[in-house]
Protein backbone atom coordinates (compact mmCIF):
# COMPACT_ATOMS: atom_id res chain seq x y z
CA MET A 1 87.72 95.00 68.27
CA LEU A 2 90.37 92.88 69.90
CA THR A 3 91.19 89.45 68.60
CA ALA A 4 90.96 86.49 70.96
CA GLN A 5 94.75 86.42 71.19
CA GLN A 6 94.93 90.10 72.16
CA GLN A 7 92.23 89.65 74.78
CA GLN A 8 94.14 86.71 76.27
CA ALA A 9 97.35 88.71 76.35
CA LEU A 10 95.60 91.59 78.13
CA LEU A 11 94.11 89.23 80.70
CA LEU A 12 97.51 87.70 81.33
CA GLN A 13 99.05 91.12 81.83
CA GLN A 14 96.36 92.13 84.31
CA GLN A 15 96.71 88.89 86.26
CA GLN A 16 100.48 89.31 86.45
CA GLN A 17 100.12 92.89 87.70
CA GLN A 18 97.68 91.77 90.39
CA GLN A 19 100.09 89.05 91.52
CA GLN A 20 102.94 91.56 91.71
CA GLN A 21 100.81 93.94 93.79
CA GLN A 22 99.88 91.13 96.18
CA GLN A 23 103.54 90.18 96.56
CA LEU A 24 104.43 93.81 97.27
CA GLN A 25 101.70 94.08 99.89
CA LEU A 26 102.96 90.91 101.58
CA HIS A 27 106.49 92.28 101.48
CA PHE A 28 105.45 95.57 103.07
CA GLN A 29 103.34 93.83 105.71
CA HIS A 30 106.36 91.73 106.63
CA GLN A 31 108.57 94.81 106.84
CA ALA A 32 105.97 96.64 108.91
CA SER A 33 105.80 93.79 111.41
CA GLN A 34 109.57 93.98 111.77
CA GLN A 35 109.57 97.75 112.17
CA GLN A 36 106.64 98.17 114.54
CA ASN A 37 108.85 100.00 117.04
CA SER A 38 109.80 102.76 114.62
CA GLN A 39 106.42 102.93 112.89
CA PRO A 40 104.73 105.50 115.19
CA LEU A 41 107.73 107.77 114.69
CA ALA A 42 107.47 107.52 110.92
CA GLN A 43 103.74 108.20 111.04
CA ALA A 44 104.31 111.25 113.22
CA GLN A 45 106.88 112.55 110.75
CA VAL A 46 104.44 112.11 107.86
CA ALA A 47 101.74 113.93 109.82
CA THR A 48 104.00 116.89 110.58
CA THR A 49 105.23 117.19 107.00
CA MET A 50 101.64 117.12 105.74
CA VAL A 51 100.62 119.85 108.17
CA ALA A 52 103.70 121.90 107.26
CA SER A 53 102.95 121.69 103.55
CA GLU A 54 99.34 122.72 104.15
CA THR A 55 100.28 125.77 106.20
CA LEU A 56 102.91 127.03 103.76
CA PRO A 57 101.82 130.24 102.02
CA GLY A 58 101.02 130.18 98.32
């Protein structure tokens, strides 16, 4: 069993991680809005590399 202090510490950690993830998402959304012109190109590259890796033998 966890003590009340340990439970509080765990909750704090989880909340901090969630906040960090939200900040990251905001950051990436901001970057994406700046890079909308080059985004289709990047997506196409990802698609081709995925296909290439799937068709490789073995």
